[in-house]
Amino acid sequence: MPHIRPITVLRNTNEISELCHKLAEPIFITKNGYGDLVIMSIETYERKLALVEVYKKLAEADAQIKEGVPLLDGDKVLNEVRSKYVGKKV
């Protein structure tokens, strides 16, 4: 459920900051009854950016599959990475 607050809540910066951290979700700010701003904590913003990056990579992978790019064996790739950086194979 979206969290919607009037622009007047921005007068109390401590309260809105606490609310952003407590909810860990974007808060939609309205002005004269219409959407105007979205505010959120830095942690929430970074989490949203990371999620967008995951979706972007999934879309790229899906496009590669549709183009016929050959798939790699997951176990083989993980073993290569582990042997390169950790020195252990599973």
Protein backbone atom coordinates (compact mmCIF):
# COMPACT_ATOMS: atom_id res chain seq x y z
CA MET A 1 0.00 0.00 0.00
CA PRO A 2 1.54 3.35 -0.98
CA HIS A 3 2.37 5.81 1.78
CA ILE A 4 0.91 9.20 0.86
CA ARG A 5 1.42 12.35 2.89
CA PRO A 6 0.67 16.04 2.28
CA ILE A 7 3.55 18.41 1.60
CA THR A 8 3.06 19.99 5.03
CA VAL A 9 4.79 16.99 6.65
CA LEU A 10 8.05 18.30 5.20
CA ARG A 11 7.97 21.10 7.78
CA ASN A 12 9.04 18.56 10.39
CA THR A 13 12.19 17.10 8.87
CA ASN A 14 12.96 14.82 11.82
CA GLU A 15 9.50 13.26 11.68
CA ILE A 16 9.61 12.62 7.93
CA SER A 17 13.15 11.23 8.19
CA GLU A 18 12.09 8.80 10.90
CA LEU A 19 9.05 7.80 8.85
CA CYS A 20 11.21 7.14 5.77
CA HIS A 21 13.53 4.89 7.76
CA LYS A 22 10.70 3.16 9.63
CA LEU A 23 8.66 2.35 6.51
CA ALA A 24 11.67 1.50 4.31
CA GLU A 25 9.48 2.39 1.32
CA PRO A 26 9.02 5.50 -0.80
CA ILE A 27 6.64 8.13 0.55
CA PHE A 28 4.54 10.02 -1.97
CA ILE A 29 4.11 13.71 -1.19
CA THR A 30 1.06 15.54 -2.47
CA LYS A 31 0.59 19.26 -3.10
CA ASN A 32 -2.94 20.59 -3.40
CA GLY A 33 -4.21 17.02 -3.65
CA TYR A 34 -1.95 16.01 -6.53
CA GLY A 35 1.23 13.94 -6.58
CA ASP A 36 4.31 16.15 -6.39
CA LEU A 37 7.32 14.37 -4.86
CA VAL A 38 8.63 10.99 -3.79
CA ILE A 39 11.02 10.77 -0.85
CA MET A 40 12.81 7.82 0.70
CA SER A 41 15.81 6.93 2.79
CA ILE A 42 19.17 6.38 1.14
CA GLU A 43 18.98 2.69 2.05
CA THR A 44 15.62 2.34 0.32
CA TYR A 45 16.90 4.24 -2.71
CA GLU A 46 19.97 2.02 -3.01
CA ARG A 47 17.80 -1.11 -2.65
CA LYS A 48 15.52 0.13 -5.44
CA LEU A 49 18.51 0.87 -7.68
CA ALA A 50 19.92 -2.61 -7.05
CA LEU A 51 16.56 -4.15 -7.96
CA VAL A 52 16.46 -2.15 -11.20
CA GLU A 53 19.96 -3.43 -12.01
CA VAL A 54 18.83 -7.04 -11.43
CA TYR A 55 15.84 -6.55 -13.73
CA LYS A 56 18.11 -4.98 -16.35
CA LYS A 57 20.50 -7.95 -16.24
CA LEU A 58 17.59 -10.41 -16.43
CA ALA A 59 16.24 -8.60 -19.49
CA GLU A 60 19.68 -8.73 -21.11
CA ALA A 61 19.97 -12.46 -20.39
CA ASP A 62 16.49 -13.08 -21.78
CA ALA A 63 17.40 -11.19 -24.96
CA GLN A 64 20.60 -13.23 -25.30
CA ILE A 65 18.64 -16.48 -24.96
CA LYS A 66 16.20 -15.32 -27.64
CA GLU A 67 19.16 -14.45 -29.91
CA GLY A 68 20.50 -17.96 -29.51
CA VAL A 69 23.60 -17.13 -27.48
CA PRO A 70 24.77 -20.45 -26.02
CA LEU A 71 24.19 -20.98 -22.31
CA LEU A 72 27.02 -21.66 -19.89
CA ASP A 73 27.05 -24.48 -17.36
CA GLY A 74 26.51 -22.86 -13.95
CA ASP A 75 28.57 -25.38 -11.96
CA LYS A 76 31.48 -25.07 -14.38
CA VAL A 77 31.46 -21.27 -14.22
CA LEU A 78 31.25 -21.25 -10.41
CA ASN A 79 34.13 -23.71 -10.15
CA GLU A 80 36.25 -21.54 -12.44
CA VAL A 81 35.49 -18.44 -10.37
CA ARG A 82 36.18 -20.26 -7.10
CA SER A 83 39.46 -21.69 -8.36
CA LYS A 84 40.53 -18.25 -9.58
CA TYR A 85 39.61 -16.28 -6.46
CA VAL A 86 39.42 -18.84 -3.65
CA GLY A 87 41.54 -21.69 -4.91
CA LYS A 88 38.90 -24.33 -4.16
CA LYS A 89 36.66 -26.40 -6.40
CA VAL A 90 33.33 -27.81 -5.29
